[in-house]
Amino acid sequence: MRKDRQPGHRLREHGRHRHEANFTRGRKFSSDDLQLMLLALLEKQPSHGYELVKELDSRSGGYWKPSPGMVYPALTYIQEIGYASVSVSSNKKSYALLPEGLAFLNEHRDQAEELLAMLVHLANKMKYIQGAMAADSDATGNDGWLPEFLAARLALKRALLLKSAAGPQEQKRITSILQEATAQINQPCIPPR
């Protein structure tokens, strides 16, 4: 990895949509994506490399477990560029986020949160697929997603597909609807009392 790059640079260049088309094939995340996720996890608490591997594995529901051959070079790199410190105790290295790493993470927080949210999405997707294959899907949503949630997502995708050839006025109308829906979806969920 070149020293003039910073974690997440490819994410900024290409955007998140590059994951949607090829997530089932080959490498799941780039090394830059991994570095950004590691910075986000180190913000929570200093950790050993193995603990970080376990955390990523857990967040993805076991679907994505990066190899030590990916994680340790990424940790070494973020240490070398001054984003994390390392301390050794009992032959184990513990990594901690430095102020420079936190500053970089704050600049790219949306991207880091999106990457970590993608892991949770994968976990839910795998639960849904496993439930569907076992033909014992739980209608309460314990298998990942509620049926009505899936139906609404599918209906939205279909509606947008059918509007692919819409003219400028119709695109503006749809954009307004999508922006309002996105704002409402992004509001915090307040559980019923």
N, C-alpha and C. Protein backbone atom coordinates (compact mmCIF):
# COMPACT_ATOMS: atom_id res chain seq x y z
N MET A 1 0.84 -1.17 0.00
CA MET A 1 0.00 0.00 0.00
C MET A 1 0.89 1.24 0.00
N ARG A 2 0.55 2.19 -0.83
CA ARG A 2 1.34 3.41 -0.93
C ARG A 2 1.15 4.26 0.32
N LYS A 3 2.21 4.94 0.72
CA LYS A 3 2.18 5.77 1.93
C LYS A 3 1.39 7.06 1.72
N ASP A 4 1.16 7.46 0.47
CA ASP A 4 0.45 8.72 0.23
C ASP A 4 -1.06 8.55 0.26
N ARG A 5 -1.52 7.34 0.51
CA ARG A 5 -2.96 7.09 0.59
C ARG A 5 -3.40 7.11 2.03
N GLN A 6 -4.65 7.42 2.22
CA GLN A 6 -5.23 7.36 3.56
C GLN A 6 -6.36 6.36 3.54
N PRO A 7 -6.69 5.77 4.71
CA PRO A 7 -7.79 4.82 4.74
C PRO A 7 -9.05 5.42 4.12
N GLY A 8 -9.74 4.61 3.34
CA GLY A 8 -11.02 5.01 2.78
C GLY A 8 -10.94 5.79 1.49
N HIS A 9 -9.74 6.00 0.92
CA HIS A 9 -9.66 6.85 -0.26
C HIS A 9 -10.46 6.29 -1.43
N ARG A 10 -10.49 4.99 -1.61
CA ARG A 10 -11.26 4.42 -2.72
C ARG A 10 -12.75 4.56 -2.48
N LEU A 11 -13.14 4.54 -1.23
CA LEU A 11 -14.55 4.73 -0.91
C LEU A 11 -14.98 6.12 -1.37
N ARG A 12 -14.14 7.11 -1.15
CA ARG A 12 -14.47 8.47 -1.57
C ARG A 12 -14.51 8.56 -3.10
N GLU A 13 -13.62 7.84 -3.77
CA GLU A 13 -13.55 7.93 -5.22
C GLU A 13 -14.72 7.24 -5.91
N HIS A 14 -15.10 6.08 -5.41
CA HIS A 14 -16.06 5.26 -6.13
C HIS A 14 -17.44 5.22 -5.50
N GLY A 15 -17.58 5.58 -4.25
CA GLY A 15 -18.87 5.53 -3.60
C GLY A 15 -19.25 4.13 -3.18
N ARG A 16 -20.33 4.02 -2.43
CA ARG A 16 -20.70 2.74 -1.85
C ARG A 16 -21.30 1.78 -2.85
N HIS A 17 -21.79 2.26 -3.98
CA HIS A 17 -22.52 1.39 -4.89
C HIS A 17 -21.64 0.31 -5.51
N ARG A 18 -20.34 0.45 -5.42
CA ARG A 18 -19.46 -0.58 -5.97
C ARG A 18 -19.63 -1.88 -5.21
N HIS A 19 -20.10 -1.85 -3.95
CA HIS A 19 -20.30 -3.06 -3.17
C HIS A 19 -21.56 -3.80 -3.60
N GLU A 20 -22.58 -3.06 -4.00
CA GLU A 20 -23.87 -3.68 -4.24
C GLU A 20 -23.83 -4.68 -5.38
N ALA A 21 -23.05 -4.40 -6.41
CA ALA A 21 -23.05 -5.26 -7.58
C ALA A 21 -22.21 -6.52 -7.39
N ASN A 22 -21.16 -6.45 -6.57
CA ASN A 22 -20.23 -7.58 -6.53
C ASN A 22 -19.99 -8.12 -5.14
N PHE A 23 -20.84 -7.87 -4.20
CA PHE A 23 -20.56 -8.29 -2.83
C PHE A 23 -20.55 -9.80 -2.69
N THR A 24 -21.19 -10.51 -3.58
CA THR A 24 -21.22 -11.97 -3.47
C THR A 24 -20.00 -12.63 -4.10
N ARG A 25 -19.21 -11.86 -4.84
CA ARG A 25 -18.05 -12.44 -5.53
C ARG A 25 -16.76 -11.89 -4.92
N GLY A 26 -15.80 -12.76 -4.71
CA GLY A 26 -14.46 -12.34 -4.33
C GLY A 26 -14.38 -11.57 -3.02
N ARG A 27 -13.44 -10.65 -2.98
CA ARG A 27 -13.18 -9.86 -1.78
C ARG A 27 -14.40 -8.99 -1.46
N LYS A 28 -14.79 -9.00 -0.22
CA LYS A 28 -16.00 -8.29 0.19
C LYS A 28 -15.77 -6.80 0.37
N PHE A 29 -14.65 -6.43 0.97
CA PHE A 29 -14.32 -5.03 1.20
C PHE A 29 -12.88 -4.80 0.78
N SER A 30 -12.58 -3.59 0.35
CA SER A 30 -11.20 -3.26 0.00
C SER A 30 -10.39 -3.07 1.28
N SER A 31 -9.09 -3.02 1.13
CA SER A 31 -8.23 -2.78 2.30
C SER A 31 -8.51 -1.40 2.88
N ASP A 32 -8.86 -0.44 2.03
CA ASP A 32 -9.18 0.90 2.52
C ASP A 32 -10.47 0.90 3.33
N ASP A 33 -11.45 0.14 2.88
CA ASP A 33 -12.70 0.01 3.63
C ASP A 33 -12.43 -0.62 4.99
N LEU A 34 -11.62 -1.66 4.99
CA LEU A 34 -11.27 -2.35 6.24
C LEU A 34 -10.58 -1.39 7.20
N GLN A 35 -9.65 -0.59 6.70
CA GLN A 35 -8.95 0.37 7.56
C GLN A 35 -9.93 1.35 8.20
N LEU A 36 -10.89 1.81 7.44
CA LEU A 36 -11.88 2.75 7.97
C LEU A 36 -12.74 2.08 9.03
N MET A 37 -13.14 0.83 8.80
CA MET A 37 -13.92 0.11 9.80
C MET A 37 -13.10 -0.13 11.07
N LEU A 38 -11.82 -0.44 10.91
CA LEU A 38 -10.97 -0.66 12.08
C LEU A 38 -10.84 0.61 12.91
N LEU A 39 -10.69 1.75 12.24
CA LEU A 39 -10.63 3.02 12.98
C LEU A 39 -11.92 3.23 13.78
N ALA A 40 -13.06 2.93 13.16
CA ALA A 40 -14.34 3.10 13.86
C ALA A 40 -14.44 2.18 15.07
N LEU A 41 -13.97 0.96 14.94
CA LEU A 41 -14.01 0.02 16.07
C LEU A 41 -13.03 0.43 17.16
N LEU A 42 -11.87 0.93 16.77
CA LEU A 42 -10.88 1.37 17.76
C LEU A 42 -11.36 2.61 18.52
N GLU A 43 -12.25 3.36 17.91
CA GLU A 43 -12.81 4.52 18.62
C GLU A 43 -13.58 4.07 19.86
N LYS A 44 -14.23 2.92 19.76
CA LYS A 44 -15.02 2.40 20.88
C LYS A 44 -14.12 1.97 22.04
N GLN A 45 -13.02 1.29 21.70
CA GLN A 45 -12.08 0.83 22.73
C GLN A 45 -10.82 0.29 22.08
N PRO A 46 -9.68 0.40 22.78
CA PRO A 46 -8.47 -0.24 22.27
C PRO A 46 -8.69 -1.75 22.18
N SER A 47 -8.09 -2.37 21.18
CA SER A 47 -8.35 -3.79 20.95
C SER A 47 -7.14 -4.48 20.34
N HIS A 48 -7.10 -5.80 20.54
CA HIS A 48 -6.14 -6.67 19.86
C HIS A 48 -6.71 -6.97 18.47
N GLY A 49 -5.85 -7.34 17.55
CA GLY A 49 -6.29 -7.67 16.20
C GLY A 49 -7.34 -8.76 16.19
N TYR A 50 -7.14 -9.79 17.00
CA TYR A 50 -8.09 -10.90 17.04
C TYR A 50 -9.47 -10.43 17.51
N GLU A 51 -9.50 -9.51 18.47
CA GLU A 51 -10.78 -8.97 18.95
C GLU A 51 -11.50 -8.21 17.84
N LEU A 52 -10.74 -7.50 17.02
CA LEU A 52 -11.33 -6.77 15.91
C LEU A 52 -11.90 -7.72 14.86
N VAL A 53 -11.17 -8.80 14.58
CA VAL A 53 -11.66 -9.83 13.65
C VAL A 53 -12.98 -10.39 14.18
N LYS A 54 -13.02 -10.73 15.46
CA LYS A 54 -14.24 -11.29 16.06
C LYS A 54 -15.40 -10.30 16.01
N GLU A 55 -15.12 -9.02 16.22
CA GLU A 55 -16.18 -8.00 16.19
C GLU A 55 -16.76 -7.86 14.78
N LEU A 56 -15.92 -7.84 13.77
CA LEU A 56 -16.41 -7.76 12.39
C LEU A 56 -17.20 -9.01 12.02
N ASP A 57 -16.72 -10.16 12.44
CA ASP A 57 -17.42 -11.42 12.22
C ASP A 57 -18.79 -11.39 12.89
N SER A 58 -18.84 -10.91 14.11
CA SER A 58 -20.09 -10.85 14.86
C SER A 58 -21.09 -9.89 14.21
N ARG A 59 -20.62 -8.72 13.80
CA ARG A 59 -21.52 -7.74 13.19
C ARG A 59 -22.13 -8.25 11.89
N SER A 60 -21.40 -9.09 11.17
CA SER A 60 -21.91 -9.62 9.91
C SER A 60 -22.67 -10.93 10.10
N GLY A 61 -22.88 -11.33 11.34
CA GLY A 61 -23.58 -12.58 11.60
C GLY A 61 -22.79 -13.79 11.13
N GLY A 62 -21.47 -13.67 11.08
CA GLY A 62 -20.63 -14.78 10.65
C GLY A 62 -20.43 -14.85 9.14
N TYR A 63 -21.02 -13.93 8.40
CA TYR A 63 -20.91 -13.98 6.94
C TYR A 63 -19.55 -13.49 6.46
N TRP A 64 -18.97 -12.50 7.14
CA TRP A 64 -17.69 -11.96 6.71
C TRP A 64 -16.73 -11.93 7.89
N LYS A 65 -15.70 -12.72 7.81
CA LYS A 65 -14.66 -12.75 8.83
C LYS A 65 -13.34 -12.49 8.12
N PRO A 66 -12.83 -11.25 8.24
CA PRO A 66 -11.57 -10.96 7.54
C PRO A 66 -10.43 -11.81 8.11
N SER A 67 -9.54 -12.19 7.25
CA SER A 67 -8.42 -13.04 7.67
C SER A 67 -7.38 -12.19 8.41
N PRO A 68 -6.61 -12.82 9.28
CA PRO A 68 -5.50 -12.10 9.92
C PRO A 68 -4.56 -11.49 8.89
N GLY A 69 -4.44 -12.13 7.73
CA GLY A 69 -3.60 -11.61 6.66
C GLY A 69 -4.12 -10.32 6.06
N MET A 70 -5.37 -9.98 6.33
CA MET A 70 -5.92 -8.69 5.92
C MET A 70 -5.86 -7.70 7.08
N VAL A 71 -6.22 -8.16 8.27
CA VAL A 71 -6.38 -7.25 9.41
C VAL A 71 -5.05 -6.72 9.93
N TYR A 72 -4.08 -7.60 10.12
CA TYR A 72 -2.82 -7.14 10.72
C TYR A 72 -2.05 -6.16 9.83
N PRO A 73 -1.97 -6.38 8.52
CA PRO A 73 -1.34 -5.35 7.68
C PRO A 73 -2.10 -4.02 7.72
N ALA A 74 -3.43 -4.08 7.80
CA ALA A 74 -4.22 -2.85 7.88
C ALA A 74 -3.93 -2.12 9.19
N LEU A 75 -3.84 -2.86 10.28
CA LEU A 75 -3.52 -2.24 11.57
C LEU A 75 -2.11 -1.66 11.57
N THR A 76 -1.18 -2.38 10.97
CA THR A 76 0.20 -1.87 10.87
C THR A 76 0.22 -0.57 10.08
N TYR A 77 -0.53 -0.53 8.99
CA TYR A 77 -0.57 0.66 8.15
C TYR A 77 -1.14 1.85 8.92
N ILE A 78 -2.27 1.67 9.60
CA ILE A 78 -2.86 2.82 10.30
C ILE A 78 -1.97 3.26 11.47
N GLN A 79 -1.18 2.34 11.99
CA GLN A 79 -0.21 2.72 13.02
C GLN A 79 0.93 3.52 12.37
N GLU A 80 1.43 3.06 11.23
CA GLU A 80 2.54 3.73 10.55
C GLU A 80 2.20 5.15 10.12
N ILE A 81 0.95 5.40 9.74
CA ILE A 81 0.59 6.75 9.29
C ILE A 81 0.15 7.63 10.46
N GLY A 82 0.23 7.10 11.68
CA GLY A 82 -0.03 7.91 12.86
C GLY A 82 -1.47 8.00 13.30
N TYR A 83 -2.31 7.04 12.87
CA TYR A 83 -3.72 7.06 13.25
C TYR A 83 -4.00 6.18 14.46
N ALA A 84 -3.08 5.29 14.79
CA ALA A 84 -3.27 4.40 15.93
C ALA A 84 -1.92 4.16 16.59
N SER A 85 -1.98 3.87 17.88
CA SER A 85 -0.77 3.49 18.61
C SER A 85 -0.87 2.00 18.92
N VAL A 86 0.28 1.42 19.25
CA VAL A 86 0.29 0.00 19.59
C VAL A 86 1.07 -0.16 20.89
N SER A 87 0.55 -1.01 21.75
CA SER A 87 1.27 -1.37 22.97
C SER A 87 1.32 -2.89 23.03
N VAL A 88 2.41 -3.42 23.57
CA VAL A 88 2.60 -4.86 23.62
C VAL A 88 2.57 -5.32 25.06
N SER A 89 1.76 -6.34 25.31
CA SER A 89 1.68 -6.95 26.64
C SER A 89 1.47 -8.44 26.45
N SER A 90 2.30 -9.25 27.08
CA SER A 90 2.22 -10.71 26.96
C SER A 90 2.23 -11.16 25.50
N ASN A 91 3.11 -10.58 24.71
CA ASN A 91 3.25 -10.90 23.28
C ASN A 91 2.00 -10.60 22.46
N LYS A 92 1.09 -9.78 22.99
CA LYS A 92 -0.10 -9.37 22.24
C LYS A 92 -0.04 -7.87 22.01
N LYS A 93 -0.35 -7.48 20.79
CA LYS A 93 -0.39 -6.06 20.45
C LYS A 93 -1.81 -5.54 20.65
N SER A 94 -1.91 -4.42 21.34
CA SER A 94 -3.20 -3.76 21.51
C SER A 94 -3.12 -2.41 20.79
N TYR A 95 -4.11 -2.14 19.96
CA TYR A 95 -4.13 -0.93 19.16
C TYR A 95 -5.12 0.05 19.77
N ALA A 96 -4.75 1.34 19.75
CA ALA A 96 -5.63 2.39 20.28
C ALA A 96 -5.65 3.54 19.28
N LEU A 97 -6.79 4.18 19.16
CA LEU A 97 -6.96 5.29 18.24
C LEU A 97 -6.23 6.53 18.77
N LEU A 98 -5.50 7.21 17.91
CA LEU A 98 -4.82 8.46 18.25
C LEU A 98 -5.66 9.64 17.78
N PRO A 99 -5.41 10.84 18.28
CA PRO A 99 -6.18 12.02 17.85
C PRO A 99 -6.20 12.21 16.33
N GLU A 100 -5.08 11.92 15.66
CA GLU A 100 -5.04 12.06 14.19
C GLU A 100 -6.00 11.06 13.53
N GLY A 101 -6.07 9.86 14.08
CA GLY A 101 -6.99 8.86 13.56
C GLY A 101 -8.43 9.25 13.81
N LEU A 102 -8.70 9.81 14.98
CA LEU A 102 -10.05 10.27 15.29
C LEU A 102 -10.46 11.41 14.37
N ALA A 103 -9.53 12.32 14.10
CA ALA A 103 -9.83 13.43 13.18
C ALA A 103 -10.18 12.90 11.80
N PHE A 104 -9.39 11.93 11.31
CA PHE A 104 -9.69 11.34 10.00
C PHE A 104 -11.04 10.62 10.03
N LEU A 105 -11.28 9.88 11.10
CA LEU A 105 -12.55 9.16 11.22
C LEU A 105 -13.72 10.14 11.24
N ASN A 106 -13.58 11.25 11.95
CA ASN A 106 -14.65 12.24 11.99
C ASN A 106 -14.93 12.83 10.61
N GLU A 107 -13.88 13.01 9.81
CA GLU A 107 -14.05 13.50 8.44
C GLU A 107 -14.82 12.51 7.57
N HIS A 108 -14.69 11.22 7.89
CA HIS A 108 -15.26 10.16 7.06
C HIS A 108 -16.24 9.30 7.85
N ARG A 109 -16.86 9.89 8.85
CA ARG A 109 -17.75 9.13 9.74
C ARG A 109 -18.92 8.51 8.97
N ASP A 110 -19.52 9.26 8.06
CA ASP A 110 -20.66 8.72 7.30
C ASP A 110 -20.25 7.45 6.55
N GLN A 111 -19.09 7.46 5.93
CA GLN A 111 -18.62 6.30 5.18
C GLN A 111 -18.35 5.12 6.12
N ALA A 112 -17.74 5.40 7.27
CA ALA A 112 -17.45 4.33 8.23
C ALA A 112 -18.74 3.72 8.75
N GLU A 113 -19.71 4.57 9.09
CA GLU A 113 -20.98 4.07 9.59
C GLU A 113 -21.72 3.26 8.53
N GLU A 114 -21.61 3.70 7.29
CA GLU A 114 -22.25 2.97 6.20
C GLU A 114 -21.62 1.59 6.01
N LEU A 115 -20.31 1.51 6.11
CA LEU A 115 -19.64 0.22 5.99
C LEU A 115 -20.04 -0.72 7.12
N LEU A 116 -20.08 -0.21 8.35
CA LEU A 116 -20.48 -1.05 9.48
C LEU A 116 -21.96 -1.43 9.38
N ALA A 117 -22.79 -0.52 8.88
CA ALA A 117 -24.20 -0.84 8.68
C ALA A 117 -24.36 -1.92 7.62
N MET A 118 -23.47 -1.92 6.64
CA MET A 118 -23.52 -2.94 5.59
C MET A 118 -23.30 -4.33 6.19
N LEU A 119 -22.45 -4.41 7.21
CA LEU A 119 -22.22 -5.70 7.88
C LEU A 119 -23.50 -6.20 8.54
N VAL A 120 -24.21 -5.30 9.21
CA VAL A 120 -25.47 -5.67 9.87
C VAL A 120 -26.50 -6.07 8.80
N HIS A 121 -26.52 -5.34 7.70
CA HIS A 121 -27.43 -5.67 6.60
C HIS A 121 -27.14 -7.08 6.09
N LEU A 122 -25.87 -7.41 5.95
CA LEU A 122 -25.51 -8.76 5.50
C LEU A 122 -25.99 -9.82 6.48
N ALA A 123 -25.84 -9.54 7.76
CA ALA A 123 -26.30 -10.49 8.78
C ALA A 123 -27.80 -10.72 8.64
N ASN A 124 -28.57 -9.64 8.49
CA ASN A 124 -30.01 -9.77 8.34
C ASN A 124 -30.38 -10.49 7.05
N LYS A 125 -29.66 -10.18 5.99
CA LYS A 125 -29.93 -10.83 4.71
C LYS A 125 -29.68 -12.33 4.80
N MET A 126 -28.60 -12.70 5.44
CA MET A 126 -28.28 -14.12 5.58
C MET A 126 -29.31 -14.83 6.47
N LYS A 127 -29.76 -14.17 7.53
CA LYS A 127 -30.81 -14.76 8.38
C LYS A 127 -32.07 -15.01 7.56
N TYR A 128 -32.42 -14.03 6.74
CA TYR A 128 -33.61 -14.15 5.90
C TYR A 128 -33.46 -15.32 4.93
N ILE A 129 -32.32 -15.39 4.25
CA ILE A 129 -32.10 -16.46 3.27
C ILE A 129 -32.11 -17.82 3.94
N GLN A 130 -31.45 -17.93 5.09
CA GLN A 130 -31.42 -19.20 5.81
C GLN A 130 -32.83 -19.60 6.24
N GLY A 131 -33.61 -18.64 6.71
CA GLY A 131 -34.99 -18.93 7.11
C GLY A 131 -35.84 -19.36 5.93
N ALA A 132 -35.67 -18.67 4.79
CA ALA A 132 -36.44 -19.01 3.60
C ALA A 132 -36.07 -20.40 3.09
N MET A 133 -34.79 -20.73 3.16
CA MET A 133 -34.35 -22.04 2.69
C MET A 133 -34.83 -23.15 3.62
N ALA A 134 -34.96 -22.83 4.89
CA ALA A 134 -35.42 -23.82 5.86
C ALA A 134 -36.94 -23.89 5.89
N ALA A 135 -37.59 -22.98 5.17
CA ALA A 135 -39.06 -22.93 5.10
C ALA A 135 -39.70 -22.77 6.47
N ASP A 136 -39.00 -22.12 7.38
CA ASP A 136 -39.59 -21.87 8.69
C ASP A 136 -39.42 -20.40 9.09
N SER A 137 -39.61 -19.52 8.12
CA SER A 137 -39.45 -18.10 8.36
C SER A 137 -40.37 -17.63 9.47
N ASP A 138 -39.82 -16.84 10.36
CA ASP A 138 -40.54 -16.33 11.52
C ASP A 138 -41.19 -15.00 11.16
N ALA A 139 -42.49 -14.91 11.16
CA ALA A 139 -43.22 -13.70 10.77
C ALA A 139 -43.03 -12.56 11.77
N THR A 140 -42.43 -12.82 12.91
CA THR A 140 -42.19 -11.75 13.87
C THR A 140 -40.95 -10.95 13.54
N GLY A 141 -40.20 -11.39 12.58
CA GLY A 141 -38.99 -10.68 12.18
C GLY A 141 -37.75 -11.21 12.85
N ASN A 142 -37.85 -12.28 13.63
CA ASN A 142 -36.68 -12.82 14.31
C ASN A 142 -35.69 -13.44 13.34
N ASP A 143 -36.11 -13.64 12.10
CA ASP A 143 -35.18 -14.20 11.11
C ASP A 143 -34.53 -13.11 10.27
N GLY A 144 -34.64 -11.87 10.68
CA GLY A 144 -33.98 -10.78 9.97
C GLY A 144 -34.91 -9.64 9.59
N TRP A 145 -35.87 -9.88 8.72
CA TRP A 145 -36.75 -8.82 8.25
C TRP A 145 -38.20 -9.27 8.28
N LEU A 146 -39.08 -8.33 8.55
CA LEU A 146 -40.51 -8.60 8.49
C LEU A 146 -40.94 -8.74 7.03
N PRO A 147 -41.91 -9.60 6.74
CA PRO A 147 -42.38 -9.75 5.35
C PRO A 147 -42.87 -8.43 4.76
N GLU A 148 -43.57 -7.62 5.56
CA GLU A 148 -44.08 -6.34 5.02
C GLU A 148 -42.94 -5.36 4.73
N PHE A 149 -41.84 -5.46 5.48
CA PHE A 149 -40.67 -4.63 5.20
C PHE A 149 -40.08 -5.01 3.84
N LEU A 150 -39.95 -6.31 3.61
CA LEU A 150 -39.43 -6.80 2.33
C LEU A 150 -40.34 -6.41 1.18
N ALA A 151 -41.65 -6.53 1.38
CA ALA A 151 -42.61 -6.18 0.33
C ALA A 151 -42.52 -4.70 -0.01
N ALA A 152 -42.38 -3.86 1.01
CA ALA A 152 -42.28 -2.41 0.77
C ALA A 152 -41.00 -2.08 0.01
N ARG A 153 -39.89 -2.71 0.38
CA ARG A 153 -38.62 -2.48 -0.34
C ARG A 153 -38.75 -2.90 -1.80
N LEU A 154 -39.34 -4.06 -2.02
CA LEU A 154 -39.50 -4.56 -3.38
C LEU A 154 -40.41 -3.64 -4.20
N ALA A 155 -41.49 -3.17 -3.58
CA ALA A 155 -42.41 -2.26 -4.28
C ALA A 155 -41.71 -0.96 -4.66
N LEU A 156 -40.87 -0.44 -3.77
CA LEU A 156 -40.14 0.79 -4.08
C LEU A 156 -39.15 0.56 -5.23
N LYS A 157 -38.42 -0.54 -5.18
CA LYS A 157 -37.48 -0.84 -6.26
C LYS A 157 -38.20 -0.96 -7.60
N ARG A 158 -39.36 -1.63 -7.58
CA ARG A 158 -40.13 -1.81 -8.82
C ARG A 158 -40.63 -0.47 -9.33
N ALA A 159 -41.15 0.36 -8.43
CA ALA A 159 -41.66 1.67 -8.83
C ALA A 159 -40.56 2.52 -9.46
N LEU A 160 -39.38 2.49 -8.87
CA LEU A 160 -38.26 3.26 -9.42
C LEU A 160 -37.81 2.70 -10.77
N LEU A 161 -37.82 1.39 -10.91
CA LEU A 161 -37.47 0.77 -12.18
C LEU A 161 -38.43 1.21 -13.28
N LEU A 162 -39.71 1.24 -12.96
CA LEU A 162 -40.72 1.63 -13.95
C LEU A 162 -40.62 3.10 -14.32
N LYS A 163 -39.97 3.90 -13.49
CA LYS A 163 -39.81 5.33 -13.77
C LYS A 163 -38.43 5.66 -14.34
N SER A 164 -37.70 4.66 -14.76
CA SER A 164 -36.34 4.86 -15.28
C SER A 164 -36.28 5.84 -16.46
N ALA A 165 -37.30 5.86 -17.28
CA ALA A 165 -37.31 6.73 -18.46
C ALA A 165 -38.06 8.04 -18.22
N ALA A 166 -38.32 8.37 -16.96
CA ALA A 166 -39.09 9.58 -16.64
C ALA A 166 -38.35 10.83 -17.10
N GLY A 167 -39.14 11.83 -17.48
CA GLY A 167 -38.57 13.11 -17.89
C GLY A 167 -38.12 13.93 -16.68
N PRO A 168 -37.54 15.09 -16.94
CA PRO A 168 -37.00 15.91 -15.85
C PRO A 168 -38.02 16.30 -14.77
N GLN A 169 -39.23 16.67 -15.17
CA GLN A 169 -40.24 17.06 -14.18
C GLN A 169 -40.60 15.89 -13.26
N GLU A 170 -40.80 14.73 -13.86
CA GLU A 170 -41.15 13.55 -13.07
C GLU A 170 -39.98 13.14 -12.17
N GLN A 171 -38.75 13.25 -12.68
CA GLN A 171 -37.58 12.95 -11.85
C GLN A 171 -37.50 13.88 -10.65
N LYS A 172 -37.82 15.15 -10.85
CA LYS A 172 -37.82 16.11 -9.74
C LYS A 172 -38.87 15.74 -8.70
N ARG A 173 -40.06 15.34 -9.18
CA ARG A 173 -41.13 14.95 -8.26
C ARG A 173 -40.71 13.72 -7.45
N ILE A 174 -40.15 12.74 -8.11
CA ILE A 174 -39.70 11.51 -7.44
C ILE A 174 -38.57 11.82 -6.46
N THR A 175 -37.65 12.68 -6.87
CA THR A 175 -36.55 13.06 -5.99
C THR A 175 -37.07 13.68 -4.70
N SER A 176 -38.05 14.54 -4.81
CA SER A 176 -38.65 15.17 -3.63
C SER A 176 -39.26 14.12 -2.69
N ILE A 177 -39.97 13.18 -3.27
CA ILE A 177 -40.59 12.10 -2.47
C ILE A 177 -39.51 11.27 -1.78
N LEU A 178 -38.48 10.90 -2.52
CA LEU A 178 -37.41 10.08 -1.96
C LEU A 178 -36.64 10.82 -0.87
N GLN A 179 -36.40 12.11 -1.07
CA GLN A 179 -35.70 12.89 -0.05
C GLN A 179 -36.52 12.97 1.24
N GLU A 180 -37.82 13.16 1.12
CA GLU A 180 -38.68 13.21 2.30
C GLU A 180 -38.72 11.86 3.00
N ALA A 181 -38.85 10.79 2.22
CA ALA A 181 -38.87 9.45 2.81
C ALA A 181 -37.54 9.14 3.50
N THR A 182 -36.44 9.52 2.87
CA THR A 182 -35.12 9.29 3.47
C THR A 182 -34.98 10.04 4.78
N ALA A 183 -35.43 11.27 4.82
CA ALA A 183 -35.36 12.06 6.06
C ALA A 183 -36.17 11.39 7.16
N GLN A 184 -37.35 10.89 6.83
CA GLN A 184 -38.19 10.23 7.84
C GLN A 184 -37.55 8.92 8.30
N ILE A 185 -37.00 8.15 7.38
CA ILE A 185 -36.37 6.88 7.74
C ILE A 185 -35.16 7.11 8.64
N ASN A 186 -34.42 8.18 8.39
CA ASN A 186 -33.21 8.46 9.17
C ASN A 186 -33.49 9.02 10.56
N GLN A 187 -34.74 9.34 10.86
CA GLN A 187 -35.08 9.83 12.19
C GLN A 187 -34.99 8.68 13.18
N PRO A 188 -34.57 8.97 14.41
CA PRO A 188 -34.46 7.89 15.40
C PRO A 188 -35.81 7.26 15.70
N CYS A 189 -35.78 5.96 15.90
CA CYS A 189 -36.99 5.21 16.22
C CYS A 189 -37.28 5.36 17.71
N ILE A 190 -38.47 5.79 18.03
CA ILE A 190 -38.88 5.93 19.42
C ILE A 190 -39.78 4.75 19.74
N PRO A 191 -39.32 3.84 20.61
CA PRO A 191 -40.11 2.65 20.92
C PRO A 191 -41.42 3.03 21.62
N PRO A 192 -42.49 2.28 21.34
CA PRO A 192 -43.77 2.56 22.01
C PRO A 192 -43.67 2.29 23.50
N ARG A 193 -44.45 3.03 24.26
CA ARG A 193 -44.44 2.84 25.72
C ARG A 193 -45.44 1.83 26.16
